[in-house]
Amino acid sequence: MTEIWTGSMHPDEPYSETPATMPVWWGLWIVTSIAGNISMRMSIEAGLFGEYASDVPLYKTTLYIDLFSAVTGIIAAWLILGILRSIAEAQDMRIQADAFD
């Protein structure tokens, strides 16, 4: 994502600054993935994929982890939308500028 940002915003400056939201988005995306994986593994351990959950307290814990994963995923999605919007605008401006050269 950093390379796309740099190529769109400052193609002549390979080490230009990225927005402050990019590392936050990246961290949240990783946390969301890890939490989802942990929740799925705990669900299997709780017997969720059988007829009924055999370990109800563990199953309840997986629900809280799922909720946490959903919240972090929504925040990550909101952050990446802003980043992608800026990239799209920069690329559109470059395309228009190239068309009139």
N, C-alpha and C. Protein backbone atom coordinates (compact mmCIF):
# COMPACT_ATOMS: atom_id res chain seq x y z
N MET A 1 0.83 -1.18 0.00
CA MET A 1 0.00 0.00 0.00
C MET A 1 0.88 1.26 0.00
N THR A 2 2.00 1.19 0.69
CA THR A 2 2.92 2.33 0.72
C THR A 2 3.44 2.64 -0.67
N GLU A 3 3.75 1.60 -1.45
CA GLU A 3 4.26 1.80 -2.80
C GLU A 3 3.18 2.43 -3.69
N ILE A 4 1.95 2.01 -3.53
CA ILE A 4 0.86 2.59 -4.32
C ILE A 4 0.69 4.06 -3.95
N TRP A 5 0.73 4.36 -2.65
CA TRP A 5 0.60 5.74 -2.19
C TRP A 5 1.73 6.61 -2.78
N THR A 6 2.96 6.13 -2.65
CA THR A 6 4.11 6.90 -3.12
C THR A 6 4.06 7.08 -4.63
N GLY A 7 3.73 6.03 -5.35
CA GLY A 7 3.64 6.11 -6.81
C GLY A 7 2.54 7.03 -7.29
N SER A 8 1.49 7.15 -6.51
CA SER A 8 0.37 8.01 -6.89
C SER A 8 0.58 9.46 -6.49
N MET A 9 1.16 9.67 -5.33
CA MET A 9 1.30 11.02 -4.79
C MET A 9 2.61 11.69 -5.21
N HIS A 10 3.72 10.94 -5.09
CA HIS A 10 5.05 11.51 -5.33
C HIS A 10 5.90 10.50 -6.10
N PRO A 11 5.64 10.29 -7.37
CA PRO A 11 6.39 9.25 -8.11
C PRO A 11 7.88 9.54 -8.22
N ASP A 12 8.28 10.80 -8.09
CA ASP A 12 9.70 11.14 -8.20
C ASP A 12 10.44 11.09 -6.87
N GLU A 13 9.70 10.87 -5.78
CA GLU A 13 10.30 10.80 -4.44
C GLU A 13 10.01 9.43 -3.84
N PRO A 14 10.92 8.48 -4.00
CA PRO A 14 10.63 7.11 -3.54
C PRO A 14 10.46 6.96 -2.04
N TYR A 15 10.94 7.91 -1.25
CA TYR A 15 10.84 7.79 0.21
C TYR A 15 9.96 8.90 0.79
N SER A 16 8.86 9.19 0.12
CA SER A 16 7.98 10.25 0.61
C SER A 16 7.14 9.75 1.78
N GLU A 17 6.59 10.68 2.52
CA GLU A 17 5.78 10.36 3.71
C GLU A 17 4.44 9.75 3.31
N THR A 18 4.02 8.78 4.09
CA THR A 18 2.68 8.21 3.92
C THR A 18 1.77 8.82 4.98
N PRO A 19 0.46 8.74 4.80
CA PRO A 19 -0.42 9.30 5.82
C PRO A 19 -0.30 8.56 7.15
N ALA A 20 -0.57 9.27 8.22
CA ALA A 20 -0.46 8.69 9.57
C ALA A 20 -1.46 7.55 9.77
N THR A 21 -2.54 7.54 9.00
CA THR A 21 -3.56 6.50 9.15
C THR A 21 -3.13 5.16 8.55
N MET A 22 -2.11 5.17 7.68
CA MET A 22 -1.73 3.92 7.03
C MET A 22 -1.18 2.88 8.01
N PRO A 23 -0.24 3.20 8.90
CA PRO A 23 0.20 2.17 9.86
C PRO A 23 -0.90 1.76 10.83
N VAL A 24 -1.80 2.69 11.15
CA VAL A 24 -2.93 2.34 12.03
C VAL A 24 -3.83 1.34 11.32
N TRP A 25 -4.13 1.61 10.04
CA TRP A 25 -4.95 0.68 9.26
C TRP A 25 -4.29 -0.69 9.20
N TRP A 26 -3.00 -0.71 8.90
CA TRP A 26 -2.27 -1.96 8.78
C TRP A 26 -2.31 -2.74 10.09
N GLY A 27 -2.08 -2.06 11.20
CA GLY A 27 -2.13 -2.72 12.50
C GLY A 27 -3.51 -3.28 12.81
N LEU A 28 -4.55 -2.49 12.53
CA LEU A 28 -5.91 -2.97 12.79
C LEU A 28 -6.27 -4.15 11.90
N TRP A 29 -5.79 -4.13 10.66
CA TRP A 29 -6.08 -5.24 9.75
C TRP A 29 -5.44 -6.52 10.27
N ILE A 30 -4.21 -6.42 10.77
CA ILE A 30 -3.53 -7.59 11.32
C ILE A 30 -4.24 -8.07 12.59
N VAL A 31 -4.62 -7.14 13.47
CA VAL A 31 -5.33 -7.51 14.70
C VAL A 31 -6.65 -8.19 14.37
N THR A 32 -7.37 -7.68 13.38
CA THR A 32 -8.64 -8.27 12.96
C THR A 32 -8.43 -9.70 12.49
N SER A 33 -7.40 -9.91 11.68
CA SER A 33 -7.11 -11.26 11.18
C SER A 33 -6.76 -12.23 12.30
N ILE A 34 -5.91 -11.79 13.19
CA ILE A 34 -5.48 -12.66 14.30
C ILE A 34 -6.67 -12.97 15.22
N ALA A 35 -7.47 -11.95 15.55
CA ALA A 35 -8.62 -12.18 16.43
C ALA A 35 -9.62 -13.14 15.78
N GLY A 36 -9.85 -13.00 14.49
CA GLY A 36 -10.76 -13.90 13.79
C GLY A 36 -10.25 -15.33 13.79
N ASN A 37 -8.95 -15.49 13.62
CA ASN A 37 -8.36 -16.82 13.64
C ASN A 37 -8.46 -17.44 15.02
N ILE A 38 -8.17 -16.66 16.05
CA ILE A 38 -8.28 -17.16 17.43
C ILE A 38 -9.71 -17.57 17.74
N SER A 39 -10.66 -16.74 17.33
CA SER A 39 -12.06 -17.04 17.59
C SER A 39 -12.50 -18.33 16.90
N MET A 40 -12.08 -18.51 15.66
CA MET A 40 -12.45 -19.72 14.93
C MET A 40 -11.88 -20.96 15.61
N ARG A 41 -10.63 -20.88 16.04
CA ARG A 41 -10.01 -22.03 16.71
C ARG A 41 -10.69 -22.32 18.06
N MET A 42 -11.07 -21.26 18.78
CA MET A 42 -11.77 -21.46 20.05
C MET A 42 -13.17 -22.03 19.82
N SER A 43 -13.81 -21.64 18.72
CA SER A 43 -15.14 -22.18 18.39
C SER A 43 -15.06 -23.68 18.14
N ILE A 44 -14.02 -24.09 17.44
CA ILE A 44 -13.83 -25.53 17.21
C ILE A 44 -13.63 -26.25 18.54
N GLU A 45 -12.81 -25.64 19.41
CA GLU A 45 -12.54 -26.24 20.72
C GLU A 45 -13.82 -26.31 21.57
N ALA A 46 -14.71 -25.33 21.40
CA ALA A 46 -15.95 -25.29 22.18
C ALA A 46 -17.00 -26.25 21.62
N GLY A 47 -16.69 -26.91 20.51
CA GLY A 47 -17.64 -27.86 19.93
C GLY A 47 -18.73 -27.18 19.13
N LEU A 48 -18.50 -25.99 18.66
CA LEU A 48 -19.53 -25.21 17.97
C LEU A 48 -19.96 -25.84 16.65
N PHE A 49 -19.08 -26.57 16.01
CA PHE A 49 -19.42 -27.11 14.70
C PHE A 49 -20.13 -28.45 14.79
N GLY A 50 -20.47 -28.86 15.99
CA GLY A 50 -21.29 -30.05 16.18
C GLY A 50 -22.75 -29.62 16.27
N GLU A 51 -23.58 -30.42 16.89
CA GLU A 51 -25.00 -30.09 17.05
C GLU A 51 -25.19 -28.91 17.99
N TYR A 52 -24.37 -28.84 19.02
CA TYR A 52 -24.48 -27.76 20.01
C TYR A 52 -23.10 -27.52 20.62
N ALA A 53 -22.98 -26.37 21.24
CA ALA A 53 -21.70 -26.03 21.88
C ALA A 53 -21.54 -26.85 23.16
N SER A 54 -20.45 -27.58 23.24
CA SER A 54 -20.23 -28.41 24.42
C SER A 54 -19.59 -27.63 25.57
N ASP A 55 -18.97 -26.49 25.26
CA ASP A 55 -18.33 -25.67 26.28
C ASP A 55 -18.89 -24.24 26.15
N VAL A 56 -20.00 -24.00 26.84
CA VAL A 56 -20.70 -22.73 26.70
C VAL A 56 -19.87 -21.53 27.14
N PRO A 57 -19.14 -21.57 28.26
CA PRO A 57 -18.32 -20.41 28.62
C PRO A 57 -17.26 -20.07 27.55
N LEU A 58 -16.64 -21.08 26.98
CA LEU A 58 -15.67 -20.84 25.92
C LEU A 58 -16.36 -20.26 24.69
N TYR A 59 -17.56 -20.75 24.39
CA TYR A 59 -18.32 -20.23 23.26
C TYR A 59 -18.66 -18.76 23.47
N LYS A 60 -19.02 -18.38 24.69
CA LYS A 60 -19.31 -16.97 24.98
C LYS A 60 -18.07 -16.11 24.78
N THR A 61 -16.94 -16.64 25.17
CA THR A 61 -15.68 -15.90 24.96
C THR A 61 -15.43 -15.68 23.47
N THR A 62 -15.72 -16.69 22.65
CA THR A 62 -15.53 -16.53 21.21
C THR A 62 -16.43 -15.44 20.65
N LEU A 63 -17.62 -15.29 21.21
CA LEU A 63 -18.53 -14.23 20.75
C LEU A 63 -17.93 -12.85 21.03
N TYR A 64 -17.31 -12.69 22.20
CA TYR A 64 -16.67 -11.40 22.52
C TYR A 64 -15.47 -11.14 21.60
N ILE A 65 -14.73 -12.18 21.30
CA ILE A 65 -13.60 -12.01 20.39
C ILE A 65 -14.10 -11.68 18.98
N ASP A 66 -15.19 -12.32 18.56
CA ASP A 66 -15.79 -11.99 17.27
C ASP A 66 -16.24 -10.54 17.22
N LEU A 67 -16.84 -10.07 18.30
CA LEU A 67 -17.28 -8.68 18.36
C LEU A 67 -16.07 -7.74 18.26
N PHE A 68 -15.03 -8.04 18.99
CA PHE A 68 -13.80 -7.25 18.92
C PHE A 68 -13.24 -7.23 17.50
N SER A 69 -13.20 -8.40 16.87
CA SER A 69 -12.69 -8.51 15.51
C SER A 69 -13.55 -7.70 14.54
N ALA A 70 -14.85 -7.73 14.72
CA ALA A 70 -15.73 -6.96 13.84
C ALA A 70 -15.50 -5.46 13.99
N VAL A 71 -15.36 -5.00 15.22
CA VAL A 71 -15.15 -3.57 15.46
C VAL A 71 -13.82 -3.12 14.85
N THR A 72 -12.76 -3.88 15.09
CA THR A 72 -11.47 -3.49 14.52
C THR A 72 -11.50 -3.56 12.99
N GLY A 73 -12.23 -4.51 12.45
CA GLY A 73 -12.36 -4.62 10.99
C GLY A 73 -13.11 -3.45 10.39
N ILE A 74 -14.14 -3.00 11.07
CA ILE A 74 -14.91 -1.84 10.58
C ILE A 74 -14.06 -0.58 10.62
N ILE A 75 -13.31 -0.40 11.69
CA ILE A 75 -12.43 0.78 11.78
C ILE A 75 -11.36 0.71 10.70
N ALA A 76 -10.77 -0.46 10.48
CA ALA A 76 -9.76 -0.62 9.43
C ALA A 76 -10.35 -0.32 8.06
N ALA A 77 -11.57 -0.78 7.81
CA ALA A 77 -12.22 -0.51 6.52
C ALA A 77 -12.46 0.98 6.34
N TRP A 78 -12.89 1.65 7.38
CA TRP A 78 -13.13 3.09 7.31
C TRP A 78 -11.83 3.84 7.01
N LEU A 79 -10.74 3.42 7.65
CA LEU A 79 -9.45 4.07 7.40
C LEU A 79 -8.95 3.84 5.98
N ILE A 80 -9.08 2.62 5.48
CA ILE A 80 -8.57 2.34 4.14
C ILE A 80 -9.40 3.04 3.07
N LEU A 81 -10.67 3.26 3.34
CA LEU A 81 -11.49 4.00 2.37
C LEU A 81 -10.96 5.41 2.17
N GLY A 82 -10.56 6.07 3.25
CA GLY A 82 -10.00 7.41 3.13
C GLY A 82 -8.69 7.41 2.36
N ILE A 83 -7.86 6.42 2.63
CA ILE A 83 -6.58 6.30 1.93
C ILE A 83 -6.81 6.04 0.44
N LEU A 84 -7.69 5.10 0.14
CA LEU A 84 -7.96 4.77 -1.26
C LEU A 84 -8.60 5.93 -2.01
N ARG A 85 -9.45 6.68 -1.33
CA ARG A 85 -10.06 7.85 -1.95
C ARG A 85 -8.98 8.87 -2.35
N SER A 86 -8.03 9.11 -1.48
CA SER A 86 -6.93 10.03 -1.78
C SER A 86 -6.09 9.52 -2.94
N ILE A 87 -5.81 8.24 -2.96
CA ILE A 87 -5.03 7.65 -4.06
C ILE A 87 -5.78 7.80 -5.38
N ALA A 88 -7.06 7.50 -5.38
CA ALA A 88 -7.86 7.61 -6.61
C ALA A 88 -7.89 9.04 -7.13
N GLU A 89 -8.05 10.00 -6.23
CA GLU A 89 -8.05 11.41 -6.64
C GLU A 89 -6.70 11.80 -7.25
N ALA A 90 -5.61 11.39 -6.63
CA ALA A 90 -4.28 11.71 -7.14
C ALA A 90 -4.05 11.08 -8.51
N GLN A 91 -4.49 9.84 -8.68
CA GLN A 91 -4.32 9.17 -9.97
C GLN A 91 -5.19 9.82 -11.04
N ASP A 92 -6.39 10.22 -10.69
CA ASP A 92 -7.25 10.92 -11.65
C ASP A 92 -6.61 12.23 -12.09
N MET A 93 -6.03 12.98 -11.16
CA MET A 93 -5.38 14.24 -11.51
C MET A 93 -4.18 14.00 -12.42
N ARG A 94 -3.42 12.93 -12.17
CA ARG A 94 -2.26 12.63 -13.02
C ARG A 94 -2.70 12.22 -14.41
N ILE A 95 -3.79 11.46 -14.50
CA ILE A 95 -4.31 11.04 -15.81
C ILE A 95 -4.76 12.26 -16.60
N GLN A 96 -5.48 13.16 -15.94
CA GLN A 96 -5.95 14.38 -16.62
C GLN A 96 -4.77 15.25 -17.04
N ALA A 97 -3.76 15.37 -16.20
CA ALA A 97 -2.58 16.16 -16.54
C ALA A 97 -1.83 15.56 -17.72
N ASP A 98 -1.72 14.24 -17.74
CA ASP A 98 -1.04 13.56 -18.85
C ASP A 98 -1.81 13.69 -20.15
N ALA A 99 -3.12 13.78 -20.07
CA ALA A 99 -3.95 13.89 -21.27
C ALA A 99 -3.76 15.22 -21.97
N PHE A 100 -3.39 16.24 -21.21
CA PHE A 100 -3.25 17.57 -21.79
C PHE A 100 -1.80 17.95 -22.05
N ASP A 101 -0.88 17.02 -21.89
CA ASP A 101 0.55 17.32 -22.17
C ASP A 101 0.86 17.16 -23.62
